[in-house]
Structures are given as structure tokens and as C-alpha cells.
Amino acid sequence: MATKLVILCLLLSVLDVTATGPKVSYAKKMDPKTLKMDRHFLVHFHLYWHDTVSGAKPSSVAVLPPRNKATVFGELNFFDNPLTIGPEPSSRRVGRSQGMYAGTAHDQIGLMMGMTFAFTTGKYNGSSFTVFGRNAIAEHEREMPVVGGTGKFRFARGYALAKTHHLNPSTFDAVVEYDIYVLHY
């Protein structure tokens, strides 16, 4: 009887292995050094973000109108804004900020922003990092997290500080000063 039980258990275990196939893992632990992740770099960027919503060729367009015009709640904008080293539009361009912002606050002008800072010149040409977070634009200085990146900014993290440098009250065109601290490998 015991022999029959052992044979039955062996047969069932063989059937289980053949029915499920070989065990293949979809993830494995790695040594970070294999991706050259043994040193951190901290970079400080000081840039100006030019958001133009007026004129014949705006860099930012509303695709959904606001439900509340006073707070822009419900408005959704997509943008492709120039990044420059100075506040003047004619200042040297170093990249573009592409993304969206949406009015997400009922009682103030509060935006949810998702944007990629993509560099087109210099050491970081072809690399980018992403900022995603809340931007209460009436505050003097706003902080948003850096949540990742590409190229030289793989595994990036950090934070961005935004200050409105100039806002045209009749057109709502804006120049925003960004100080961004990016930690990457």
C-alpha cells in the first residue's frame, strides 16, 4: 500500500511539472554596477520656461475649457515650451519642455503638471527628465518632484522649484524660472 502511495505521488508530481512547464521568472536581482550605477551625480539646472498661450503660434493650447474660469478648474493644456538660459525669449535655447497641465483645484489656481525637460544641446543633448506634481501658481515658489529620466538621467530623482518670473495679465503668457536639482547615475 505504501509503495502504491509513493508511486502515485511521483506520478502526480511529474504531471504537475509537465502541465505547468518549466518555472521561468520574469524578474531577477541584479548588481547595480552592471548598469554603471555605482556613482551618483547631482546636477543643478537654472532655466526659464516660456509658456505662450496667445498669438498665431502658441506653445501651449487648451484642449478642454475650464468649468470654473476663476480657478481654471477642469482646463487641460498641452504644451511644447522653449527652455532658455535667460528670461528673454531671444536667450539661448537649451531644450524644450513638453507635457500638460490641468486645473485641478476648486478654490485656487492649482495645476497638476506633467512635463519632460528634453535637452537639445551640450552635454545633455538627447537626455531628458520628467517632473510631475502639483503647481499652485499663486504661491511665490512651488516645489514639484523629478520622477525619472532618460539617457544621462536614467533613474533620475530630485525636485524642481518654480517661480513666476513674468506673467502678462491680459494674455496669460508666462515666463517661469526653474531651479531643478537632479540626482542620477
N, C-alpha and C. Protein backbone atom coordinates (compact mmCIF):
# COMPACT_ATOMS: atom_id res chain seq x y z
N MET A 1 0.82 -1.20 0.00
CA MET A 1 0.00 0.00 0.00
C MET A 1 0.87 1.26 0.00
N ALA A 2 1.91 1.25 0.82
CA ALA A 2 2.81 2.40 0.90
C ALA A 2 3.54 2.60 -0.42
N THR A 3 3.89 1.51 -1.10
CA THR A 3 4.57 1.60 -2.38
C THR A 3 3.66 2.24 -3.42
N LYS A 4 2.39 1.83 -3.42
CA LYS A 4 1.44 2.42 -4.37
C LYS A 4 1.26 3.92 -4.11
N LEU A 5 1.27 4.31 -2.86
CA LEU A 5 1.12 5.73 -2.49
C LEU A 5 2.34 6.53 -2.97
N VAL A 6 3.53 5.99 -2.81
CA VAL A 6 4.76 6.66 -3.27
C VAL A 6 4.74 6.81 -4.78
N ILE A 7 4.34 5.74 -5.50
CA ILE A 7 4.29 5.79 -6.97
C ILE A 7 3.25 6.82 -7.42
N LEU A 8 2.11 6.85 -6.76
CA LEU A 8 1.07 7.83 -7.09
C LEU A 8 1.57 9.26 -6.88
N CYS A 9 2.26 9.49 -5.79
CA CYS A 9 2.81 10.84 -5.52
C CYS A 9 3.84 11.23 -6.58
N LEU A 10 4.71 10.30 -6.97
CA LEU A 10 5.71 10.59 -8.01
C LEU A 10 5.03 10.91 -9.34
N LEU A 11 4.01 10.12 -9.70
CA LEU A 11 3.29 10.39 -10.94
C LEU A 11 2.60 11.76 -10.92
N LEU A 12 2.00 12.10 -9.82
CA LEU A 12 1.33 13.41 -9.70
C LEU A 12 2.33 14.55 -9.79
N SER A 13 3.49 14.38 -9.17
CA SER A 13 4.49 15.45 -9.24
C SER A 13 5.03 15.60 -10.66
N VAL A 14 5.22 14.52 -11.38
CA VAL A 14 5.67 14.58 -12.78
C VAL A 14 4.60 15.25 -13.63
N LEU A 15 3.35 14.89 -13.42
CA LEU A 15 2.26 15.52 -14.17
C LEU A 15 2.18 17.02 -13.88
N ASP A 16 2.41 17.41 -12.64
CA ASP A 16 2.37 18.82 -12.28
C ASP A 16 3.47 19.59 -13.00
N VAL A 17 4.66 19.04 -13.05
CA VAL A 17 5.78 19.71 -13.73
C VAL A 17 5.52 19.82 -15.22
N THR A 18 5.03 18.78 -15.84
CA THR A 18 4.80 18.83 -17.28
C THR A 18 3.60 19.70 -17.62
N ALA A 19 2.63 19.79 -16.74
CA ALA A 19 1.45 20.61 -17.02
C ALA A 19 1.76 22.09 -16.93
N THR A 20 2.60 22.46 -16.00
CA THR A 20 2.90 23.89 -15.84
C THR A 20 4.12 24.32 -16.62
N GLY A 21 4.92 23.41 -17.08
CA GLY A 21 6.11 23.74 -17.83
C GLY A 21 7.22 24.16 -16.89
N PRO A 22 8.36 24.52 -17.45
CA PRO A 22 9.48 24.93 -16.60
C PRO A 22 9.16 26.27 -15.93
N LYS A 23 9.65 26.43 -14.74
CA LYS A 23 9.44 27.68 -13.99
C LYS A 23 10.38 28.74 -14.56
N VAL A 24 9.80 29.80 -15.11
CA VAL A 24 10.59 30.89 -15.69
C VAL A 24 10.23 32.16 -14.93
N SER A 25 11.23 32.83 -14.42
CA SER A 25 10.99 34.07 -13.68
C SER A 25 10.99 35.24 -14.66
N TYR A 26 10.16 36.22 -14.39
CA TYR A 26 10.12 37.42 -15.22
C TYR A 26 10.98 38.55 -14.64
N ALA A 27 11.57 38.31 -13.47
CA ALA A 27 12.42 39.33 -12.85
C ALA A 27 13.57 38.65 -12.13
N LYS A 28 14.70 39.33 -12.10
CA LYS A 28 15.84 38.80 -11.36
C LYS A 28 16.58 39.96 -10.71
N LYS A 29 17.21 39.67 -9.59
CA LYS A 29 18.01 40.67 -8.91
C LYS A 29 19.29 40.89 -9.71
N MET A 30 19.73 42.15 -9.70
CA MET A 30 20.96 42.49 -10.42
C MET A 30 21.86 43.32 -9.53
N ASP A 31 23.11 43.30 -9.83
CA ASP A 31 24.06 44.18 -9.17
C ASP A 31 24.00 45.53 -9.90
N PRO A 32 23.72 46.63 -9.20
CA PRO A 32 23.64 47.94 -9.87
C PRO A 32 24.89 48.32 -10.66
N LYS A 33 26.02 47.75 -10.31
CA LYS A 33 27.26 48.07 -11.02
C LYS A 33 27.23 47.60 -12.47
N THR A 34 26.38 46.59 -12.79
CA THR A 34 26.31 46.12 -14.17
C THR A 34 25.74 47.21 -15.09
N LEU A 35 24.97 48.16 -14.53
CA LEU A 35 24.45 49.29 -15.31
C LEU A 35 25.21 50.58 -15.00
N LYS A 36 26.43 50.43 -14.47
CA LYS A 36 27.28 51.58 -14.13
C LYS A 36 26.58 52.51 -13.14
N MET A 37 25.91 51.91 -12.15
CA MET A 37 25.18 52.67 -11.16
C MET A 37 25.92 52.70 -9.82
N ASP A 38 27.22 52.83 -9.86
CA ASP A 38 27.98 52.83 -8.62
C ASP A 38 28.33 54.25 -8.16
N ARG A 39 28.04 55.26 -8.98
CA ARG A 39 28.32 56.66 -8.58
C ARG A 39 27.10 57.52 -8.86
N HIS A 40 26.81 58.41 -7.94
CA HIS A 40 25.71 59.37 -8.12
C HIS A 40 26.27 60.72 -8.59
N PHE A 41 25.46 61.43 -9.35
CA PHE A 41 25.79 62.78 -9.77
C PHE A 41 24.62 63.68 -9.41
N LEU A 42 24.90 64.85 -8.90
CA LEU A 42 23.86 65.83 -8.60
C LEU A 42 24.09 67.03 -9.50
N VAL A 43 23.06 67.38 -10.28
CA VAL A 43 23.17 68.48 -11.23
C VAL A 43 22.11 69.52 -10.88
N HIS A 44 22.51 70.79 -10.89
CA HIS A 44 21.58 71.90 -10.67
C HIS A 44 21.36 72.61 -12.01
N PHE A 45 20.10 72.68 -12.42
CA PHE A 45 19.73 73.39 -13.64
C PHE A 45 19.03 74.69 -13.25
N HIS A 46 19.40 75.77 -13.92
CA HIS A 46 18.71 77.05 -13.76
C HIS A 46 18.23 77.45 -15.15
N LEU A 47 16.91 77.33 -15.38
CA LEU A 47 16.34 77.50 -16.70
C LEU A 47 15.10 78.39 -16.65
N TYR A 48 14.73 78.88 -17.83
CA TYR A 48 13.49 79.64 -17.97
C TYR A 48 12.58 78.92 -18.96
N TRP A 49 11.32 78.82 -18.56
CA TRP A 49 10.27 78.07 -19.26
C TRP A 49 9.31 79.09 -19.82
N HIS A 50 9.14 79.12 -21.13
CA HIS A 50 8.33 80.15 -21.81
C HIS A 50 7.01 79.54 -22.26
N ASP A 51 5.93 79.90 -21.58
CA ASP A 51 4.59 79.38 -21.87
C ASP A 51 3.80 80.46 -22.60
N THR A 52 3.61 80.29 -23.90
CA THR A 52 2.91 81.28 -24.71
C THR A 52 1.56 80.69 -25.12
N VAL A 53 0.48 81.32 -24.62
CA VAL A 53 -0.87 80.84 -24.94
C VAL A 53 -1.57 81.75 -25.94
N SER A 54 -0.95 82.89 -26.25
CA SER A 54 -1.57 83.86 -27.17
C SER A 54 -0.85 83.86 -28.51
N GLY A 55 -1.40 84.60 -29.46
CA GLY A 55 -0.75 84.79 -30.74
C GLY A 55 -1.09 83.71 -31.76
N ALA A 56 -0.46 83.87 -32.93
CA ALA A 56 -0.74 82.97 -34.05
C ALA A 56 -0.10 81.59 -33.88
N LYS A 57 0.99 81.52 -33.13
CA LYS A 57 1.69 80.25 -32.95
C LYS A 57 1.99 80.02 -31.46
N PRO A 58 0.96 79.69 -30.67
CA PRO A 58 1.19 79.48 -29.23
C PRO A 58 1.99 78.20 -28.98
N SER A 59 2.71 78.20 -27.86
CA SER A 59 3.43 76.98 -27.47
C SER A 59 2.60 76.13 -26.52
N SER A 60 1.47 76.68 -26.07
CA SER A 60 0.58 75.97 -25.16
C SER A 60 -0.86 76.19 -25.62
N VAL A 61 -1.63 75.10 -25.72
CA VAL A 61 -3.01 75.22 -26.19
C VAL A 61 -3.94 74.49 -25.22
N ALA A 62 -5.09 75.11 -24.98
CA ALA A 62 -6.13 74.48 -24.15
C ALA A 62 -6.92 73.52 -25.03
N VAL A 63 -7.05 72.29 -24.58
CA VAL A 63 -7.82 71.31 -25.33
C VAL A 63 -9.17 71.03 -24.67
N LEU A 64 -9.31 71.42 -23.41
CA LEU A 64 -10.58 71.37 -22.70
C LEU A 64 -10.77 72.70 -21.99
N PRO A 65 -11.93 73.31 -22.11
CA PRO A 65 -12.16 74.58 -21.44
C PRO A 65 -12.38 74.38 -19.94
N PRO A 66 -12.16 75.42 -19.14
CA PRO A 66 -12.37 75.28 -17.70
C PRO A 66 -13.85 75.23 -17.35
N ARG A 67 -14.18 74.54 -16.28
CA ARG A 67 -15.53 74.53 -15.74
C ARG A 67 -15.74 75.75 -14.84
N ASN A 68 -14.63 76.25 -14.28
CA ASN A 68 -14.65 77.43 -13.42
C ASN A 68 -13.57 78.37 -13.94
N LYS A 69 -13.98 79.48 -14.55
CA LYS A 69 -12.99 80.38 -15.16
C LYS A 69 -12.09 81.06 -14.14
N ALA A 70 -12.58 81.28 -12.92
CA ALA A 70 -11.78 81.95 -11.90
C ALA A 70 -10.59 81.10 -11.45
N THR A 71 -10.77 79.79 -11.36
CA THR A 71 -9.69 78.91 -10.90
C THR A 71 -9.15 78.00 -11.99
N VAL A 72 -9.67 78.07 -13.18
CA VAL A 72 -9.36 77.23 -14.34
C VAL A 72 -9.57 75.73 -14.06
N PHE A 73 -10.40 75.43 -13.05
CA PHE A 73 -10.68 74.03 -12.73
C PHE A 73 -11.28 73.34 -13.96
N GLY A 74 -10.70 72.21 -14.32
CA GLY A 74 -11.18 71.43 -15.46
C GLY A 74 -10.48 71.72 -16.77
N GLU A 75 -9.71 72.80 -16.84
CA GLU A 75 -8.99 73.12 -18.09
C GLU A 75 -7.82 72.16 -18.27
N LEU A 76 -7.59 71.78 -19.50
CA LEU A 76 -6.46 70.90 -19.83
C LEU A 76 -5.67 71.53 -20.97
N ASN A 77 -4.40 71.76 -20.73
CA ASN A 77 -3.50 72.35 -21.73
C ASN A 77 -2.37 71.37 -22.06
N PHE A 78 -1.99 71.35 -23.32
CA PHE A 78 -0.79 70.65 -23.75
C PHE A 78 0.20 71.70 -24.23
N PHE A 79 1.48 71.45 -23.98
CA PHE A 79 2.47 72.46 -24.34
C PHE A 79 3.75 71.84 -24.88
N ASP A 80 4.46 72.67 -25.62
CA ASP A 80 5.79 72.38 -26.15
C ASP A 80 6.56 73.69 -26.03
N ASN A 81 7.07 73.95 -24.82
CA ASN A 81 7.64 75.25 -24.48
C ASN A 81 9.16 75.27 -24.59
N PRO A 82 9.70 76.38 -25.08
CA PRO A 82 11.17 76.50 -25.11
C PRO A 82 11.75 76.64 -23.71
N LEU A 83 12.94 76.09 -23.53
CA LEU A 83 13.73 76.26 -22.31
C LEU A 83 14.95 77.08 -22.67
N THR A 84 15.18 78.16 -21.94
CA THR A 84 16.30 79.05 -22.24
C THR A 84 17.14 79.28 -20.99
N ILE A 85 18.34 79.83 -21.19
CA ILE A 85 19.22 80.10 -20.05
C ILE A 85 18.93 81.46 -19.42
N GLY A 86 18.16 82.30 -20.09
CA GLY A 86 17.78 83.60 -19.54
C GLY A 86 16.29 83.83 -19.72
N PRO A 87 15.73 84.86 -19.09
CA PRO A 87 14.29 85.08 -19.16
C PRO A 87 13.78 85.65 -20.48
N GLU A 88 14.66 86.21 -21.30
CA GLU A 88 14.24 86.78 -22.58
C GLU A 88 13.97 85.67 -23.58
N PRO A 89 12.91 85.81 -24.39
CA PRO A 89 12.63 84.79 -25.41
C PRO A 89 13.79 84.59 -26.38
N SER A 90 14.61 85.61 -26.58
CA SER A 90 15.74 85.52 -27.50
C SER A 90 16.97 84.88 -26.86
N SER A 91 16.89 84.57 -25.57
CA SER A 91 18.01 83.93 -24.86
C SER A 91 18.31 82.57 -25.48
N ARG A 92 19.52 82.08 -25.27
CA ARG A 92 19.94 80.80 -25.86
C ARG A 92 19.06 79.66 -25.40
N ARG A 93 18.52 78.90 -26.37
CA ARG A 93 17.69 77.74 -26.07
C ARG A 93 18.57 76.53 -25.81
N VAL A 94 18.18 75.76 -24.79
CA VAL A 94 18.92 74.54 -24.46
C VAL A 94 18.04 73.30 -24.58
N GLY A 95 16.75 73.51 -24.78
CA GLY A 95 15.85 72.36 -24.90
C GLY A 95 14.40 72.79 -24.94
N ARG A 96 13.55 71.81 -24.70
CA ARG A 96 12.10 72.04 -24.72
C ARG A 96 11.49 71.34 -23.52
N SER A 97 10.40 71.90 -23.05
CA SER A 97 9.61 71.25 -22.02
C SER A 97 8.28 70.88 -22.67
N GLN A 98 8.00 69.60 -22.69
CA GLN A 98 6.78 69.12 -23.35
C GLN A 98 5.93 68.37 -22.34
N GLY A 99 4.62 68.64 -22.37
CA GLY A 99 3.75 67.97 -21.43
C GLY A 99 2.37 68.58 -21.37
N MET A 100 1.81 68.53 -20.16
CA MET A 100 0.45 69.04 -19.99
C MET A 100 0.29 69.59 -18.59
N TYR A 101 -0.69 70.48 -18.46
CA TYR A 101 -1.13 70.90 -17.14
C TYR A 101 -2.64 71.00 -17.15
N ALA A 102 -3.20 70.70 -15.98
CA ALA A 102 -4.65 70.68 -15.84
C ALA A 102 -5.04 71.42 -14.57
N GLY A 103 -6.11 72.20 -14.67
CA GLY A 103 -6.65 72.87 -13.49
C GLY A 103 -7.34 71.84 -12.61
N THR A 104 -6.80 71.62 -11.41
CA THR A 104 -7.31 70.55 -10.55
C THR A 104 -7.80 71.05 -9.20
N ALA A 105 -7.83 72.37 -8.97
CA ALA A 105 -8.26 72.90 -7.68
C ALA A 105 -9.55 73.71 -7.85
N HIS A 106 -10.49 73.51 -6.92
CA HIS A 106 -11.76 74.24 -6.95
C HIS A 106 -11.62 75.68 -6.43
N ASP A 107 -10.79 75.87 -5.39
CA ASP A 107 -10.79 77.15 -4.67
C ASP A 107 -9.57 78.02 -4.91
N GLN A 108 -8.67 77.61 -5.78
CA GLN A 108 -7.49 78.40 -6.12
C GLN A 108 -7.02 77.97 -7.50
N ILE A 109 -6.05 78.70 -8.05
CA ILE A 109 -5.47 78.25 -9.31
C ILE A 109 -4.39 77.24 -8.96
N GLY A 110 -4.73 75.99 -9.06
CA GLY A 110 -3.81 74.89 -8.75
C GLY A 110 -3.78 73.94 -9.93
N LEU A 111 -2.59 73.68 -10.40
CA LEU A 111 -2.42 72.83 -11.58
C LEU A 111 -1.77 71.51 -11.21
N MET A 112 -2.11 70.48 -11.93
CA MET A 112 -1.37 69.23 -11.91
C MET A 112 -0.54 69.28 -13.19
N MET A 113 0.78 69.17 -13.03
CA MET A 113 1.67 69.29 -14.19
C MET A 113 2.44 67.99 -14.40
N GLY A 114 2.53 67.60 -15.64
CA GLY A 114 3.39 66.50 -16.05
C GLY A 114 4.19 66.98 -17.24
N MET A 115 5.50 67.07 -17.08
CA MET A 115 6.31 67.64 -18.17
C MET A 115 7.68 66.99 -18.21
N THR A 116 8.17 66.89 -19.43
CA THR A 116 9.50 66.37 -19.68
C THR A 116 10.39 67.52 -20.11
N PHE A 117 11.54 67.65 -19.46
CA PHE A 117 12.56 68.63 -19.85
C PHE A 117 13.53 67.88 -20.76
N ALA A 118 13.44 68.15 -22.05
CA ALA A 118 14.25 67.45 -23.05
C ALA A 118 15.33 68.39 -23.56
N PHE A 119 16.58 67.97 -23.45
CA PHE A 119 17.69 68.83 -23.82
C PHE A 119 18.13 68.58 -25.26
N THR A 120 18.45 69.68 -25.94
CA THR A 120 18.80 69.61 -27.36
C THR A 120 20.20 70.12 -27.67
N THR A 121 20.94 70.49 -26.63
CA THR A 121 22.30 71.00 -26.83
C THR A 121 23.21 70.52 -25.71
N GLY A 122 24.50 70.62 -25.95
CA GLY A 122 25.50 70.40 -24.92
C GLY A 122 25.60 68.97 -24.41
N LYS A 123 26.13 68.85 -23.22
CA LYS A 123 26.42 67.57 -22.59
C LYS A 123 25.18 66.69 -22.44
N TYR A 124 24.01 67.30 -22.26
CA TYR A 124 22.78 66.55 -22.00
C TYR A 124 21.90 66.41 -23.24
N ASN A 125 22.42 66.75 -24.41
CA ASN A 125 21.67 66.62 -25.66
C ASN A 125 21.14 65.20 -25.82
N GLY A 126 19.82 65.08 -26.04
CA GLY A 126 19.20 63.77 -26.21
C GLY A 126 18.71 63.14 -24.92
N SER A 127 19.03 63.74 -23.78
CA SER A 127 18.59 63.22 -22.50
C SER A 127 17.43 64.05 -21.98
N SER A 128 16.65 63.46 -21.08
CA SER A 128 15.51 64.19 -20.52
C SER A 128 15.21 63.69 -19.11
N PHE A 129 14.48 64.52 -18.35
CA PHE A 129 13.93 64.08 -17.07
C PHE A 129 12.50 64.59 -16.98
N THR A 130 11.73 63.95 -16.12
CA THR A 130 10.31 64.25 -16.02
C THR A 130 9.97 64.80 -14.65
N VAL A 131 9.16 65.87 -14.66
CA VAL A 131 8.64 66.49 -13.45
C VAL A 131 7.14 66.25 -13.44
N PHE A 132 6.63 65.80 -12.30
CA PHE A 132 5.20 65.53 -12.21
C PHE A 132 4.71 65.88 -10.81
N GLY A 133 3.77 66.82 -10.73
CA GLY A 133 3.26 67.18 -9.42
C GLY A 133 2.34 68.38 -9.44
N ARG A 134 2.01 68.85 -8.25
CA ARG A 134 1.09 69.97 -8.04
C ARG A 134 1.85 71.29 -8.15
N ASN A 135 1.20 72.25 -8.82
CA ASN A 135 1.79 73.57 -9.00
C ASN A 135 0.71 74.61 -8.67
N ALA A 136 0.75 75.14 -7.45
CA ALA A 136 -0.18 76.19 -7.03
C ALA A 136 0.43 77.52 -7.46
N ILE A 137 0.11 77.97 -8.66
CA ILE A 137 0.85 79.06 -9.30
C ILE A 137 0.73 80.41 -8.61
N ALA A 138 -0.22 80.58 -7.69
CA ALA A 138 -0.31 81.85 -6.96
C ALA A 138 0.76 81.95 -5.87
N GLU A 139 1.35 80.83 -5.48
CA GLU A 139 2.41 80.86 -4.48
C GLU A 139 3.70 81.38 -5.11
N HIS A 140 4.51 82.05 -4.29
CA HIS A 140 5.75 82.63 -4.80
C HIS A 140 6.69 81.56 -5.36
N GLU A 141 6.87 80.47 -4.61
CA GLU A 141 7.74 79.38 -5.05
C GLU A 141 7.00 78.07 -4.87
N ARG A 142 7.06 77.23 -5.89
CA ARG A 142 6.39 75.93 -5.88
C ARG A 142 7.42 74.83 -6.04
N GLU A 143 7.16 73.69 -5.39
CA GLU A 143 8.08 72.54 -5.49
C GLU A 143 7.35 71.35 -6.10
N MET A 144 8.01 70.72 -7.06
CA MET A 144 7.47 69.53 -7.71
C MET A 144 8.58 68.48 -7.81
N PRO A 145 8.22 67.20 -7.76
CA PRO A 145 9.25 66.16 -7.81
C PRO A 145 9.73 65.83 -9.22
N VAL A 146 11.01 65.49 -9.31
CA VAL A 146 11.56 64.87 -10.52
C VAL A 146 11.36 63.38 -10.33
N VAL A 147 10.68 62.73 -11.27
CA VAL A 147 10.28 61.34 -11.06
C VAL A 147 10.99 60.32 -11.96
N GLY A 148 11.88 60.75 -12.82
CA GLY A 148 12.59 59.80 -13.67
C GLY A 148 13.25 60.50 -14.83
N GLY A 149 13.89 59.72 -15.69
CA GLY A 149 14.55 60.33 -16.83
C GLY A 149 15.03 59.31 -17.83
N THR A 150 15.63 59.84 -18.90
CA THR A 150 16.18 59.01 -19.96
C THR A 150 17.60 59.46 -20.27
N GLY A 151 18.32 58.64 -21.01
CA GLY A 151 19.68 58.98 -21.40
C GLY A 151 20.57 59.14 -20.17
N LYS A 152 21.23 60.28 -20.05
CA LYS A 152 22.11 60.53 -18.90
C LYS A 152 21.32 60.61 -17.59
N PHE A 153 20.01 60.74 -17.67
CA PHE A 153 19.18 60.87 -16.47
C PHE A 153 18.39 59.61 -16.13
N ARG A 154 18.84 58.46 -16.57
CA ARG A 154 18.18 57.22 -16.17
C ARG A 154 18.22 57.12 -14.65
N PHE A 155 17.13 56.66 -14.08
CA PHE A 155 16.98 56.52 -12.63
C PHE A 155 17.03 57.87 -11.91
N ALA A 156 16.72 58.95 -12.61
CA ALA A 156 16.79 60.28 -12.00
C ALA A 156 15.71 60.46 -10.94
N ARG A 157 16.07 61.28 -9.96
CA ARG A 157 15.12 61.74 -8.95
C ARG A 157 15.61 63.10 -8.47
N GLY A 158 14.70 63.86 -7.88
CA GLY A 158 15.08 65.17 -7.39
C GLY A 158 13.86 66.04 -7.21
N TYR A 159 14.08 67.35 -7.35
CA TYR A 159 12.96 68.28 -7.21
C TYR A 159 13.20 69.52 -8.05
N ALA A 160 12.07 70.15 -8.39
CA ALA A 160 12.09 71.39 -9.18
C ALA A 160 11.42 72.49 -8.37
N LEU A 161 12.05 73.65 -8.34
CA LEU A 161 11.47 74.84 -7.72
C LEU A 161 11.09 75.79 -8.83
N ALA A 162 9.82 76.21 -8.85
CA ALA A 162 9.33 77.10 -9.90
C ALA A 162 8.94 78.45 -9.30
N LYS A 163 9.34 79.52 -9.97
CA LYS A 163 8.94 80.88 -9.59
C LYS A 163 8.49 81.60 -10.85
N THR A 164 7.35 82.25 -10.79
CA THR A 164 6.89 83.02 -11.95
C THR A 164 7.78 84.24 -12.08
N HIS A 165 8.47 84.34 -13.19
CA HIS A 165 9.34 85.49 -13.46
C HIS A 165 8.51 86.62 -14.07
N HIS A 166 7.62 86.27 -14.99
CA HIS A 166 6.78 87.28 -15.64
C HIS A 166 5.46 86.63 -16.04
N LEU A 167 4.36 87.35 -15.81
CA LEU A 167 3.04 86.91 -16.26
C LEU A 167 2.33 88.10 -16.87
N ASN A 168 1.92 87.98 -18.12
CA ASN A 168 1.16 89.02 -18.79
C ASN A 168 -0.31 88.83 -18.39
N PRO A 169 -0.90 89.76 -17.63
CA PRO A 169 -2.26 89.56 -17.14
C PRO A 169 -3.34 89.58 -18.23
N SER A 170 -3.03 90.16 -19.37
CA SER A 170 -4.05 90.20 -20.43
C SER A 170 -4.00 88.97 -21.34
N THR A 171 -2.81 88.40 -21.55
CA THR A 171 -2.70 87.23 -22.44
C THR A 171 -2.47 85.92 -21.68
N PHE A 172 -2.01 86.02 -20.44
CA PHE A 172 -1.61 84.88 -19.60
C PHE A 172 -0.35 84.18 -20.12
N ASP A 173 0.38 84.83 -21.02
CA ASP A 173 1.69 84.31 -21.38
C ASP A 173 2.58 84.44 -20.15
N ALA A 174 3.43 83.44 -19.92
CA ALA A 174 4.24 83.44 -18.70
C ALA A 174 5.66 82.99 -18.99
N VAL A 175 6.57 83.50 -18.18
CA VAL A 175 7.94 83.02 -18.13
C VAL A 175 8.16 82.56 -16.70
N VAL A 176 8.54 81.30 -16.55
CA VAL A 176 8.73 80.72 -15.23
C VAL A 176 10.19 80.33 -15.06
N GLU A 177 10.75 80.74 -13.94
CA GLU A 177 12.14 80.42 -13.61
C GLU A 177 12.16 79.09 -12.86
N TYR A 178 12.99 78.17 -13.32
CA TYR A 178 13.10 76.85 -12.69
C TYR A 178 14.51 76.64 -12.16
N ASP A 179 14.59 76.22 -10.90
CA ASP A 179 15.80 75.68 -10.31
C ASP A 179 15.50 74.21 -10.06
N ILE A 180 16.25 73.34 -10.72
CA ILE A 180 15.96 71.91 -10.68
C ILE A 180 17.22 71.18 -10.22
N TYR A 181 17.03 70.32 -9.24
CA TYR A 181 18.13 69.53 -8.69
C TYR A 181 17.86 68.07 -9.05
N VAL A 182 18.76 67.51 -9.85
CA VAL A 182 18.56 66.15 -10.38
C VAL A 182 19.70 65.26 -9.91
N LEU A 183 19.33 64.19 -9.20
CA LEU A 183 20.29 63.18 -8.78
C LEU A 183 20.16 62.00 -9.74
N HIS A 184 21.27 61.60 -10.32
CA HIS A 184 21.24 60.50 -11.30
C HIS A 184 22.56 59.74 -11.25
N TYR A 185 22.61 58.65 -11.97
CA TYR A 185 23.82 57.82 -12.02
C TYR A 185 24.64 58.14 -13.23
